[in-house]
Amino acid sequence: MWWCRYVELHDGVRLFYYFIQSERDPEEDPVQLSGSPAGPDAPPSPASSTRSWFDEHPQFLPNPFYVAGDSYSGVIIPPLAMKIAKGIEYAHERLINLKGVIAGNPLTDVKLDFNSRVPFLHGMGIIPDELYEAAREGCRGQYRRPSNADCANSLQAIQYCTRDLNDVHVLEIKCPEYPSLAIQKRPRLQHHGRKRLLESPVWSICRNATYFLSEVWTNDEAVRESLGIHEGTVPSWLRCYFDIPYTMEIASAVDDHLALITKGYRAMIYSGDHDSKIPHVGTQGWIRQLNIPVTDDWRPWYVDGQVVGFTRTYSNNLTYATVKGAGHTAPEYMPKECLAMIDRWLSGEPL
């Protein structure tokens, strides 16, 4: 069972959502608040929208509840979960059964995540030893804003080497965000868009093809009516809408992760190991900063007898895993493996 509705917030603001009910045991299975804004397009008030949702669906209050997401959601998940945790602690929050967080390919510490890209590219054999060493020595590990001419020259050379690289998956070809189809500029395309797309050479070689289809599908009038989208709210739906007024106030969510873990909440962090946008190098870096003892050291994990990634477990219920061959974000590239990973973790089983 699934449904689409609006959560009513303040001042007439409404947040559209869709809910998919568990097919196994909806009365006992975890409820997962999930979002993956690709860029700064998070809801205006995720905490208030969560409260409003539970007000409308109190039958799910006893279920284990996890705040989850991927990509840019990485800086939203920990403070949102922390706000809910504090509300529970001070009896300001309804008795939401918060259990923890799940974050995939997560932007967590802007500075650390950005600085991890150069070591990642070197580790993948994309930039040579000499260039990496020159950048490391000239920039002293700080690659965001060059502080001297040697650093600037090295970063310019790295940028030149990687200018045509697909940064979300370094092994896949780089496709234009919107090739000749230009869906967002052709409102009548919904009637013939799928046929045009399937006949296009883009379909067979570009992962982006599914992104194009999502816009064709969502902007179809029959689909919008079926989903219950109110007329006049969003004239044309875009997969990524970057023009929302938004101020990025959180540069690092590491402290919130530590606070949640210290309070006993669980955490599942995972990375696609071919993602250069938010490399696993940076994610492992901020996890080390938590200074939490390792309880189960680095080892492979398997699906159908095959190695599909590597994992490490820490005390205080923190698990980290890589997903082999996946990019940004991992479930898009390896859905079967990621489903197995999350299902095992939610069930309390080792990966």
Protein backbone atom coordinates (compact mmCIF):
# COMPACT_ATOMS: atom_id res chain seq x y z
CA MET A 1 0.00 0.00 0.00
CA TRP A 2 1.18 3.51 -0.75
CA TRP A 3 -0.26 7.00 -0.82
CA CYS A 4 0.66 10.58 -1.67
CA ARG A 5 -0.51 13.50 0.42
CA TYR A 6 0.45 16.90 1.78
CA VAL A 7 1.65 17.67 5.30
CA GLU A 8 0.21 21.01 6.44
CA LEU A 9 2.83 23.22 8.11
CA HIS A 10 2.57 26.84 9.17
CA ASP A 11 1.35 29.88 7.22
CA GLY A 12 -0.28 27.73 4.57
CA VAL A 13 2.97 25.91 3.68
CA ARG A 14 2.38 22.36 2.51
CA LEU A 15 4.99 19.66 2.03
CA PHE A 16 4.24 16.94 -0.52
CA TYR A 17 5.28 13.39 0.37
CA TYR A 18 4.68 9.82 -0.66
CA PHE A 19 4.50 6.92 1.79
CA ILE A 20 5.15 3.28 0.95
CA GLN A 21 3.92 0.87 3.59
CA SER A 22 5.95 -2.21 4.42
CA GLU A 23 4.76 -5.36 2.67
CA ARG A 24 6.12 -7.53 5.48
CA ASP A 25 4.78 -6.30 8.84
CA PRO A 26 3.68 -2.66 8.79
CA GLU A 27 2.70 -2.76 12.46
CA GLU A 28 6.23 -3.71 13.56
CA ASP A 29 8.64 -2.74 10.77
CA PRO A 30 10.70 0.46 11.01
CA VAL A 31 9.42 3.76 9.64
CA GLN A 32 12.09 5.55 7.64
CA LEU A 33 12.03 9.27 6.90
CA SER A 34 14.10 9.49 3.76
CA GLY A 35 15.15 12.26 1.45
CA SER A 36 18.05 12.84 -0.91
CA PRO A 37 18.14 16.44 -2.03
CA ALA A 38 20.73 16.75 -4.81
CA GLY A 39 21.76 20.24 -3.89
CA PRO A 40 20.32 22.75 -1.45
CA ASP A 41 16.63 21.91 -1.72
CA ALA A 42 15.76 20.45 1.66
CA PRO A 43 12.28 20.98 3.17
CA PRO A 44 11.85 24.32 4.95
CA SER A 45 11.18 22.66 8.33
CA PRO A 46 11.88 18.91 8.41
CA ALA A 47 11.36 18.68 12.18
CA SER A 48 7.91 20.28 12.08
CA SER A 49 6.92 18.23 9.02
CA THR A 50 7.92 15.04 10.86
CA ARG A 51 5.77 16.01 13.85
CA SER A 52 2.87 16.85 11.56
CA TRP A 53 3.18 13.50 9.79
CA PHE A 54 3.00 11.57 13.05
CA ASP A 55 0.06 13.71 14.16
CA GLU A 56 -1.78 12.47 11.08
CA HIS A 57 -0.56 8.87 11.44
CA PRO A 58 -0.33 8.11 15.19
CA GLN A 59 -0.61 4.37 14.51
CA PHE A 60 3.07 4.43 13.48
CA LEU A 61 4.36 6.09 16.66
CA PRO A 62 5.33 2.75 18.30
CA ASN A 63 7.32 1.63 15.21
CA PRO A 64 11.11 2.03 15.25
CA PHE A 65 11.88 5.31 13.49
CA TYR A 66 15.02 6.16 11.51
CA VAL A 67 16.04 9.43 9.88
CA ALA A 68 17.69 8.53 6.58
CA GLY A 69 18.94 9.93 3.30
CA ASP A 70 21.80 10.31 0.87
CA SER A 71 24.12 12.98 -0.52
CA TYR A 72 23.37 16.51 0.74
CA SER A 73 20.99 15.01 3.30
CA GLY A 74 24.12 14.04 5.20
CA VAL A 75 24.29 17.50 6.79
CA ILE A 76 20.56 17.48 7.59
CA ILE A 77 20.08 13.98 9.05
CA PRO A 78 22.18 14.28 12.26
CA PRO A 79 20.88 17.70 13.44
CA LEU A 80 17.31 16.71 12.59
CA ALA A 81 17.63 13.45 14.53
CA MET A 82 19.31 15.36 17.38
CA LYS A 83 16.42 17.82 17.51
CA ILE A 84 13.93 14.95 17.73
CA ALA A 85 16.09 13.23 20.39
CA LYS A 86 16.20 16.39 22.52
CA GLY A 87 12.45 16.83 22.14
CA ILE A 88 11.92 13.28 23.41
CA GLU A 89 14.38 13.83 26.27
CA TYR A 90 12.69 17.04 27.44
CA ALA A 91 9.17 15.73 26.79
CA HIS A 92 8.58 18.39 24.13
CA GLU A 93 8.22 15.78 21.41
CA ARG A 94 5.55 13.17 20.90
CA LEU A 95 6.82 9.75 21.89
CA ILE A 96 8.46 9.04 18.54
CA ASN A 97 10.37 5.77 18.77
CA LEU A 98 13.61 7.20 17.35
CA LYS A 99 16.23 4.48 16.93
CA GLY A 100 18.95 6.04 14.80
CA VAL A 101 20.13 7.36 11.46
CA ILE A 102 21.07 6.00 8.04
CA ALA A 103 23.29 8.09 5.76
CA GLY A 104 24.59 7.12 2.31
CA ASN A 105 27.36 8.89 0.39
CA PRO A 106 26.74 11.66 2.91
CA LEU A 107 28.06 15.20 2.79
CA THR A 108 28.95 15.49 6.47
CA ASP A 109 31.90 17.85 6.90
CA VAL A 110 32.21 20.27 3.97
CA LYS A 111 35.91 20.94 4.44
CA LEU A 112 36.95 17.34 5.08
CA ASP A 113 34.77 15.87 2.33
CA PHE A 114 36.11 18.34 -0.25
CA ASN A 115 39.73 17.81 0.78
CA SER A 116 39.34 14.04 0.41
CA ARG A 117 38.77 14.25 -3.35
CA VAL A 118 42.46 14.61 -4.27
CA PRO A 119 43.59 11.56 -2.21
CA PHE A 120 40.67 9.60 -3.66
CA LEU A 121 41.60 10.46 -7.25
CA HIS A 122 45.19 9.46 -6.54
CA GLY A 123 44.12 6.19 -4.95
CA MET A 124 42.00 5.38 -8.01
CA GLY A 125 44.98 5.93 -10.33
CA ILE A 126 43.41 8.98 -11.96
CA ILE A 127 46.18 11.39 -11.05
CA PRO A 128 49.85 10.29 -10.98
CA ASP A 129 52.09 10.05 -7.93
CA GLU A 130 54.13 13.10 -8.91
CA LEU A 131 51.11 15.37 -9.26
CA TYR A 132 49.57 14.10 -6.04
CA GLU A 133 52.79 14.61 -4.08
CA ALA A 134 53.20 18.12 -5.47
CA ALA A 135 49.61 18.98 -4.49
CA ARG A 136 49.95 17.40 -1.06
CA GLU A 137 53.15 19.30 -0.29
CA GLY A 138 52.03 22.59 -1.83
CA CYS A 139 48.54 22.59 -0.38
CA ARG A 140 49.30 20.77 2.89
CA GLY A 141 46.10 18.78 2.56
CA GLN A 142 43.91 21.86 2.07
CA TYR A 143 42.65 21.75 -1.52
CA ARG A 144 39.59 23.98 -1.31
CA ARG A 145 41.27 27.38 -1.52
CA PRO A 146 44.89 27.41 -2.71
CA SER A 147 47.11 29.37 -0.34
CA ASN A 148 50.16 29.69 -2.60
CA ALA A 149 51.23 29.49 -6.24
CA ASP A 150 52.52 25.91 -6.03
CA CYS A 151 49.21 24.72 -4.62
CA ALA A 152 47.23 26.65 -7.25
CA ASN A 153 49.33 25.22 -10.08
CA SER A 154 48.91 21.66 -8.82
CA LEU A 155 45.15 22.03 -8.42
CA GLN A 156 44.89 23.53 -11.90
CA ALA A 157 46.74 20.50 -13.32
CA ILE A 158 44.42 18.13 -11.41
CA GLN A 159 41.37 19.99 -12.69
CA TYR A 160 42.66 19.71 -16.23
CA CYS A 161 43.23 15.95 -15.86
CA THR A 162 39.75 15.36 -14.46
CA ARG A 163 37.74 17.90 -16.48
CA ASP A 164 35.88 15.21 -18.43
CA LEU A 165 35.54 12.75 -15.57
CA ASN A 166 32.12 11.64 -14.35
CA ASP A 167 32.51 12.71 -10.73
CA VAL A 168 29.53 10.72 -9.44
CA HIS A 169 30.99 7.45 -10.77
CA VAL A 170 34.54 7.60 -12.08
CA LEU A 171 34.14 4.49 -14.27
CA GLU A 172 30.99 5.60 -16.10
CA ILE A 173 30.87 7.90 -19.10
CA LYS A 174 30.05 11.56 -18.55
CA CYS A 175 26.75 12.61 -20.07
CA PRO A 176 25.28 16.11 -20.34
CA GLU A 177 22.70 16.81 -17.66
CA TYR A 178 20.15 17.56 -20.37
CA PRO A 179 21.12 16.55 -23.89
CA SER A 180 19.16 17.46 -26.99
CA LEU A 181 15.87 16.33 -25.45
CA ALA A 182 15.77 19.46 -23.25
CA ILE A 183 12.73 18.18 -21.42
CA GLN A 184 12.38 21.11 -19.06
CA LYS A 185 11.99 23.50 -21.98
CA ARG A 186 9.32 21.51 -23.86
CA PRO A 187 6.11 21.25 -21.81
CA ARG A 188 4.28 19.25 -24.50
CA LEU A 189 6.91 16.53 -24.56
CA GLN A 190 5.08 14.35 -22.04
CA HIS A 191 2.92 12.78 -24.77
CA HIS A 192 5.86 11.66 -26.89
CA GLY A 193 8.79 11.97 -24.46
CA ARG A 194 9.18 8.30 -23.61
CA LYS A 195 9.13 7.25 -27.27
CA ARG A 196 11.67 9.95 -28.16
CA LEU A 197 13.90 8.98 -25.25
CA LEU A 198 13.86 5.25 -25.95
CA GLU A 199 14.79 5.96 -29.57
CA SER A 200 17.64 8.22 -28.52
CA PRO A 201 21.21 6.90 -28.28
CA VAL A 202 21.33 8.55 -24.85
CA TRP A 203 19.06 5.81 -23.49
CA SER A 204 21.53 2.97 -24.02
CA ILE A 205 24.64 4.68 -22.70
CA CYS A 206 23.58 7.28 -20.13
CA ARG A 207 22.32 6.63 -16.64
CA ASN A 208 20.81 10.11 -16.90
CA ALA A 209 18.10 8.64 -19.13
CA THR A 210 16.10 7.64 -16.06
CA TYR A 211 16.36 11.22 -14.81
CA PHE A 212 14.85 12.48 -18.07
CA LEU A 213 12.05 9.95 -17.80
CA SER A 214 11.27 11.07 -14.25
CA GLU A 215 10.55 14.58 -15.53
CA VAL A 216 8.48 13.31 -18.46
CA TRP A 217 6.48 11.11 -16.10
CA THR A 218 6.01 13.63 -13.28
CA ASN A 219 4.94 16.46 -15.60
CA ASP A 220 2.31 14.32 -17.30
CA GLU A 221 -1.10 15.74 -16.41
CA ALA A 222 -2.64 12.32 -15.75
CA VAL A 223 0.20 11.38 -13.42
CA ARG A 224 -0.04 14.65 -11.48
CA GLU A 225 -3.78 14.15 -11.08
CA SER A 226 -3.26 10.56 -9.91
CA LEU A 227 -0.66 11.68 -7.34
CA GLY A 228 -3.02 14.34 -6.04
CA ILE A 229 -0.71 17.25 -6.79
CA HIS A 230 -2.64 20.47 -6.27
CA GLU A 231 -3.07 22.53 -9.40
CA GLY A 232 -0.97 25.67 -9.56
CA THR A 233 1.52 24.63 -6.87
CA VAL A 234 4.44 23.63 -9.11
CA PRO A 235 3.98 24.55 -12.78
CA SER A 236 6.78 22.27 -13.96
CA TRP A 237 8.55 19.68 -11.82
CA LEU A 238 12.35 19.50 -12.03
CA ARG A 239 14.46 16.73 -10.58
CA CYS A 240 16.88 19.25 -9.10
CA TYR A 241 15.63 22.75 -8.40
CA PHE A 242 18.49 24.99 -7.34
CA ASP A 243 16.69 28.35 -7.25
CA ILE A 244 15.05 27.92 -3.83
CA PRO A 245 16.33 30.64 -1.46
CA TYR A 246 18.49 28.67 0.93
CA THR A 247 21.28 29.46 3.37
CA MET A 248 23.70 26.66 4.19
CA GLU A 249 24.35 27.09 7.90
CA ILE A 250 25.82 23.69 8.79
CA ALA A 251 29.44 23.19 7.74
CA SER A 252 29.86 19.98 9.74
CA ALA A 253 27.46 17.46 11.28
CA VAL A 254 30.20 15.37 12.93
CA ASP A 255 29.45 16.64 16.45
CA ASP A 256 25.77 15.76 16.05
CA HIS A 257 26.73 12.24 14.95
CA LEU A 258 28.88 11.86 18.07
CA ALA A 259 26.13 13.21 20.32
CA LEU A 260 23.58 10.79 18.88
CA ILE A 261 25.91 7.82 19.16
CA THR A 262 26.78 8.78 22.74
CA LYS A 263 23.07 8.82 23.57
CA GLY A 264 22.79 5.25 22.29
CA TYR A 265 21.20 5.82 18.89
CA ARG A 266 22.27 3.53 16.05
CA ALA A 267 24.03 4.73 12.89
CA MET A 268 24.52 3.09 9.50
CA ILE A 269 26.92 4.99 7.22
CA TYR A 270 27.77 3.74 3.73
CA SER A 271 29.63 4.87 0.62
CA GLY A 272 29.71 3.93 -3.04
CA ASP A 273 33.42 3.27 -3.53
CA HIS A 274 33.57 4.90 -7.01
CA ASP A 275 32.05 8.21 -5.93
CA SER A 276 34.48 11.13 -6.25
CA LYS A 277 31.85 13.71 -5.30
CA ILE A 278 31.67 12.58 -1.66
CA PRO A 279 34.54 10.08 -1.51
CA HIS A 280 34.68 7.25 0.99
CA VAL A 281 38.09 8.63 2.01
CA GLY A 282 36.46 11.67 3.62
CA THR A 283 33.66 9.66 5.20
CA GLN A 284 36.14 7.31 6.84
CA GLY A 285 38.11 10.39 7.91
CA TRP A 286 35.31 11.98 9.94
CA ILE A 287 34.35 8.61 11.40
CA ARG A 288 37.93 8.32 12.72
CA GLN A 289 37.49 11.76 14.31
CA LEU A 290 34.71 10.30 16.47
CA ASN A 291 37.44 8.27 18.22
CA ILE A 292 35.17 5.30 18.86
CA PRO A 293 36.68 1.83 19.42
CA VAL A 294 36.42 -0.73 16.62
CA THR A 295 34.59 -3.92 17.59
CA ASP A 296 34.68 -5.76 14.25
CA ASP A 297 37.56 -4.75 12.01
CA TRP A 298 37.63 -4.19 8.25
CA ARG A 299 36.31 -7.21 6.38
CA PRO A 300 34.37 -8.05 3.20
CA TRP A 301 30.62 -8.49 3.22
CA TYR A 302 28.74 -10.71 0.80
CA VAL A 303 25.56 -11.14 -1.22
CA ASP A 304 24.98 -14.51 -2.94
CA GLY A 305 28.49 -15.60 -2.00
CA GLN A 306 30.17 -12.66 -3.72
CA VAL A 307 32.10 -9.77 -2.16
CA VAL A 308 29.98 -6.64 -2.61
CA GLY A 309 31.84 -4.28 -0.30
CA PHE A 310 33.75 -3.91 2.93
CA THR A 311 32.56 -3.06 6.41
CA ARG A 312 33.72 -2.12 9.87
CA THR A 313 31.70 -2.03 13.10
CA TYR A 314 32.33 0.32 16.02
CA SER A 315 31.12 0.39 19.57
CA ASN A 316 27.96 2.39 20.33
CA ASN A 317 26.14 0.76 17.39
CA LEU A 318 27.95 2.49 14.51
CA THR A 319 28.41 0.52 11.29
CA TYR A 320 30.27 1.69 8.20
CA ALA A 321 30.24 -0.07 4.82
CA THR A 322 31.40 0.48 1.27
CA VAL A 323 29.37 -0.76 -1.67
CA LYS A 324 31.69 -2.14 -4.33
CA GLY A 325 31.27 -0.61 -7.78
CA ALA A 326 28.67 1.94 -6.66
CA GLY A 327 28.74 5.66 -7.27
CA HIS A 328 26.82 8.64 -5.94
CA THR A 329 24.48 7.45 -4.58
CA ALA A 330 25.00 3.75 -3.89
CA PRO A 331 21.42 2.37 -4.10
CA GLU A 332 21.03 3.78 -7.60
CA TYR A 333 23.92 1.64 -8.83
CA MET A 334 23.65 -1.44 -6.60
CA PRO A 335 20.01 -1.71 -5.44
CA LYS A 336 20.09 -5.43 -4.61
CA GLU A 337 23.24 -5.14 -2.55
CA CYS A 338 22.07 -2.02 -0.72
CA LEU A 339 18.72 -3.62 0.09
CA ALA A 340 20.53 -6.61 1.61
CA MET A 341 22.80 -4.27 3.59
CA ILE A 342 19.97 -2.19 5.07
CA ASP A 343 17.73 -5.19 5.70
CA ARG A 344 20.47 -6.97 7.67
CA TRP A 345 21.37 -3.85 9.62
CA LEU A 346 17.78 -3.00 10.55
CA SER A 347 17.29 -6.60 11.67
CA GLY A 348 20.33 -6.36 13.95
CA GLU A 349 22.29 -8.88 11.93
CA PRO A 350 25.95 -8.38 10.92
CA LEU A 351 26.44 -7.40 7.29
